[in-house]
Amino acid sequence: MLRASRLVLSIVTVAISVYILLTRNFDILPYMLAALGASTLLIGISEVQKDRRNFWGYTSIVVSFLVFYVSIQSFIVFQH
């Protein structure tokens, strides 16, 4: 289940990124960042669950929170 969610979120992130690059429409950038944050969070969780309690699992979780913060800021900025 976790693997399928990671795959779907990664595909959504890439699809939105390609759309933004082709159309230069940055209005959906916060949605891409939210999908990227969720994908990174799932990667970090799966690394921690595999008992790979190393640097990269926790780093992915911290990075996902930073991406979520930027996503929230982008929602606020693009709303005006």
N, C-alpha and C. Protein backbone atom coordinates (compact mmCIF):
# COMPACT_ATOMS: atom_id res chain seq x y z
N MET A 1 0.82 -1.20 0.00
CA MET A 1 0.00 0.00 0.00
C MET A 1 0.86 1.26 0.00
N LEU A 2 1.90 1.24 0.83
CA LEU A 2 2.79 2.40 0.92
C LEU A 2 3.54 2.60 -0.38
N ARG A 3 3.93 1.50 -1.00
CA ARG A 3 4.68 1.58 -2.26
C ARG A 3 3.80 2.14 -3.38
N ALA A 4 2.56 1.73 -3.41
CA ALA A 4 1.64 2.22 -4.45
C ALA A 4 1.36 3.71 -4.25
N SER A 5 1.21 4.13 -3.01
CA SER A 5 0.99 5.55 -2.72
C SER A 5 2.19 6.38 -3.14
N ARG A 6 3.39 5.88 -2.85
CA ARG A 6 4.60 6.59 -3.26
C ARG A 6 4.66 6.72 -4.77
N LEU A 7 4.31 5.66 -5.47
CA LEU A 7 4.35 5.68 -6.93
C LEU A 7 3.34 6.68 -7.50
N VAL A 8 2.13 6.66 -6.98
CA VAL A 8 1.09 7.56 -7.47
C VAL A 8 1.47 9.01 -7.20
N LEU A 9 1.95 9.30 -6.00
CA LEU A 9 2.34 10.68 -5.67
C LEU A 9 3.53 11.14 -6.51
N SER A 10 4.45 10.24 -6.80
CA SER A 10 5.59 10.60 -7.64
C SER A 10 5.15 10.90 -9.07
N ILE A 11 4.23 10.11 -9.58
CA ILE A 11 3.72 10.35 -10.93
C ILE A 11 2.95 11.66 -10.99
N VAL A 12 2.15 11.95 -9.97
CA VAL A 12 1.41 13.21 -9.92
C VAL A 12 2.38 14.39 -9.88
N THR A 13 3.43 14.27 -9.08
CA THR A 13 4.42 15.34 -8.97
C THR A 13 5.11 15.60 -10.31
N VAL A 14 5.52 14.54 -10.97
CA VAL A 14 6.19 14.70 -12.27
C VAL A 14 5.23 15.26 -13.30
N ALA A 15 3.99 14.81 -13.31
CA ALA A 15 3.01 15.29 -14.29
C ALA A 15 2.73 16.78 -14.10
N ILE A 16 2.56 17.20 -12.86
CA ILE A 16 2.31 18.62 -12.61
C ILE A 16 3.55 19.44 -12.96
N SER A 17 4.73 18.92 -12.68
CA SER A 17 5.96 19.63 -13.00
C SER A 17 6.12 19.82 -14.50
N VAL A 18 5.83 18.78 -15.26
CA VAL A 18 5.91 18.88 -16.72
C VAL A 18 4.89 19.88 -17.23
N TYR A 19 3.69 19.86 -16.68
CA TYR A 19 2.66 20.81 -17.08
C TYR A 19 3.12 22.25 -16.80
N ILE A 20 3.71 22.48 -15.64
CA ILE A 20 4.19 23.81 -15.30
C ILE A 20 5.30 24.25 -16.25
N LEU A 21 6.21 23.34 -16.57
CA LEU A 21 7.30 23.68 -17.49
C LEU A 21 6.79 23.99 -18.89
N LEU A 22 5.82 23.25 -19.35
CA LEU A 22 5.33 23.46 -20.71
C LEU A 22 4.45 24.70 -20.86
N THR A 23 3.63 24.97 -19.86
CA THR A 23 2.66 26.07 -19.99
C THR A 23 3.10 27.35 -19.29
N ARG A 24 4.11 27.27 -18.46
CA ARG A 24 4.56 28.43 -17.66
C ARG A 24 3.42 28.99 -16.79
N ASN A 25 2.53 28.11 -16.39
CA ASN A 25 1.42 28.47 -15.50
C ASN A 25 1.80 28.04 -14.09
N PHE A 26 2.20 29.00 -13.27
CA PHE A 26 2.70 28.69 -11.94
C PHE A 26 1.61 28.72 -10.86
N ASP A 27 0.37 28.79 -11.28
CA ASP A 27 -0.73 28.83 -10.32
C ASP A 27 -0.92 27.50 -9.60
N ILE A 28 -0.48 26.41 -10.19
CA ILE A 28 -0.65 25.09 -9.55
C ILE A 28 0.63 24.62 -8.87
N LEU A 29 1.61 25.50 -8.73
CA LEU A 29 2.86 25.15 -8.07
C LEU A 29 2.66 24.67 -6.63
N PRO A 30 1.77 25.27 -5.83
CA PRO A 30 1.56 24.75 -4.47
C PRO A 30 1.08 23.31 -4.43
N TYR A 31 0.28 22.91 -5.40
CA TYR A 31 -0.20 21.53 -5.44
C TYR A 31 0.95 20.57 -5.75
N MET A 32 1.85 21.00 -6.63
CA MET A 32 3.01 20.18 -6.94
C MET A 32 3.90 20.04 -5.71
N LEU A 33 4.08 21.13 -4.97
CA LEU A 33 4.89 21.08 -3.76
C LEU A 33 4.25 20.20 -2.69
N ALA A 34 2.93 20.24 -2.58
CA ALA A 34 2.24 19.38 -1.61
C ALA A 34 2.41 17.91 -1.98
N ALA A 35 2.30 17.59 -3.25
CA ALA A 35 2.50 16.20 -3.69
C ALA A 35 3.95 15.77 -3.47
N LEU A 36 4.88 16.67 -3.71
CA LEU A 36 6.29 16.37 -3.48
C LEU A 36 6.56 16.13 -2.00
N GLY A 37 5.98 16.95 -1.15
CA GLY A 37 6.15 16.77 0.29
C GLY A 37 5.56 15.45 0.78
N ALA A 38 4.40 15.10 0.27
CA ALA A 38 3.78 13.83 0.66
C ALA A 38 4.60 12.65 0.17
N SER A 39 5.12 12.76 -1.04
CA SER A 39 5.95 11.69 -1.58
C SER A 39 7.23 11.52 -0.77
N THR A 40 7.86 12.62 -0.42
CA THR A 40 9.08 12.56 0.39
C THR A 40 8.80 12.03 1.78
N LEU A 41 7.66 12.39 2.35
CA LEU A 41 7.29 11.87 3.66
C LEU A 41 7.10 10.36 3.61
N LEU A 42 6.43 9.86 2.58
CA LEU A 42 6.23 8.42 2.46
C LEU A 42 7.55 7.68 2.25
N ILE A 43 8.46 8.29 1.52
CA ILE A 43 9.79 7.68 1.34
C ILE A 43 10.50 7.59 2.68
N GLY A 44 10.45 8.66 3.47
CA GLY A 44 11.08 8.65 4.79
C GLY A 44 10.46 7.63 5.72
N ILE A 45 9.15 7.53 5.71
CA ILE A 45 8.47 6.56 6.57
C ILE A 45 8.82 5.14 6.17
N SER A 46 8.88 4.88 4.87
CA SER A 46 9.22 3.53 4.44
C SER A 46 10.66 3.18 4.80
N GLU A 47 11.56 4.14 4.77
CA GLU A 47 12.94 3.88 5.17
C GLU A 47 13.03 3.58 6.67
N VAL A 48 12.29 4.31 7.47
CA VAL A 48 12.31 4.08 8.91
C VAL A 48 11.66 2.74 9.25
N GLN A 49 10.59 2.37 8.53
CA GLN A 49 9.92 1.10 8.79
C GLN A 49 10.78 -0.11 8.42
N LYS A 50 11.69 0.06 7.49
CA LYS A 50 12.56 -1.03 7.08
C LYS A 50 13.71 -1.24 8.06
N ASP A 51 13.63 -0.61 9.21
CA ASP A 51 14.68 -0.64 10.23
C ASP A 51 16.00 -0.12 9.70
N ARG A 52 15.92 0.74 8.73
CA ARG A 52 17.09 1.47 8.27
C ARG A 52 17.10 2.80 9.01
N ARG A 53 17.24 2.72 10.27
CA ARG A 53 17.16 3.93 11.10
C ARG A 53 18.45 4.73 10.96
N ASN A 54 18.71 5.06 9.76
CA ASN A 54 19.90 5.82 9.47
C ASN A 54 19.55 7.26 9.17
N PHE A 55 20.50 7.95 8.68
CA PHE A 55 20.40 9.38 8.42
C PHE A 55 19.35 9.71 7.38
N TRP A 56 19.21 8.91 6.32
CA TRP A 56 18.37 9.27 5.19
C TRP A 56 16.88 9.17 5.47
N GLY A 57 16.45 8.25 6.28
CA GLY A 57 15.03 8.15 6.60
C GLY A 57 14.53 9.37 7.35
N TYR A 58 15.26 9.74 8.38
CA TYR A 58 14.87 10.92 9.16
C TYR A 58 15.08 12.21 8.38
N THR A 59 16.11 12.24 7.55
CA THR A 59 16.33 13.42 6.73
C THR A 59 15.18 13.62 5.75
N SER A 60 14.68 12.55 5.17
CA SER A 60 13.54 12.65 4.25
C SER A 60 12.31 13.19 4.95
N ILE A 61 12.09 12.77 6.18
CA ILE A 61 10.94 13.25 6.94
C ILE A 61 11.07 14.74 7.23
N VAL A 62 12.26 15.18 7.64
CA VAL A 62 12.48 16.60 7.92
C VAL A 62 12.32 17.43 6.65
N VAL A 63 12.88 16.94 5.55
CA VAL A 63 12.76 17.66 4.27
C VAL A 63 11.31 17.74 3.84
N SER A 64 10.53 16.71 4.08
CA SER A 64 9.12 16.75 3.69
C SER A 64 8.38 17.82 4.47
N PHE A 65 8.71 17.99 5.76
CA PHE A 65 8.06 19.06 6.54
C PHE A 65 8.45 20.44 6.01
N LEU A 66 9.69 20.60 5.57
CA LEU A 66 10.11 21.87 4.99
C LEU A 66 9.37 22.13 3.67
N VAL A 67 9.19 21.10 2.87
CA VAL A 67 8.47 21.26 1.61
C VAL A 67 7.00 21.57 1.88
N PHE A 68 6.40 20.94 2.89
CA PHE A 68 5.03 21.27 3.26
C PHE A 68 4.92 22.73 3.71
N TYR A 69 5.92 23.22 4.44
CA TYR A 69 5.92 24.62 4.87
C TYR A 69 5.95 25.56 3.66
N VAL A 70 6.81 25.25 2.71
CA VAL A 70 6.90 26.07 1.49
C VAL A 70 5.60 25.98 0.71
N SER A 71 4.98 24.81 0.68
CA SER A 71 3.71 24.65 -0.01
C SER A 71 2.62 25.51 0.62
N ILE A 72 2.57 25.51 1.93
CA ILE A 72 1.57 26.34 2.63
C ILE A 72 1.82 27.81 2.36
N GLN A 73 3.10 28.21 2.38
CA GLN A 73 3.43 29.60 2.06
C GLN A 73 3.03 29.94 0.63
N SER A 74 3.22 29.02 -0.29
CA SER A 74 2.84 29.24 -1.68
C SER A 74 1.34 29.36 -1.83
N PHE A 75 0.57 28.56 -1.10
CA PHE A 75 -0.88 28.70 -1.13
C PHE A 75 -1.30 30.09 -0.68
N ILE A 76 -0.65 30.59 0.33
CA ILE A 76 -0.99 31.93 0.86
C ILE A 76 -0.61 33.01 -0.15
N VAL A 77 0.57 32.92 -0.74
CA VAL A 77 1.05 33.95 -1.67
C VAL A 77 0.24 33.93 -2.96
N PHE A 78 0.01 32.74 -3.53
CA PHE A 78 -0.71 32.66 -4.80
C PHE A 78 -2.21 32.91 -4.64
N GLN A 79 -2.69 32.96 -3.43
CA GLN A 79 -4.11 33.20 -3.21
C GLN A 79 -4.45 34.67 -3.47
N HIS A 80 -3.50 35.55 -3.29
CA HIS A 80 -3.77 36.97 -3.44
C HIS A 80 -3.61 37.43 -4.84
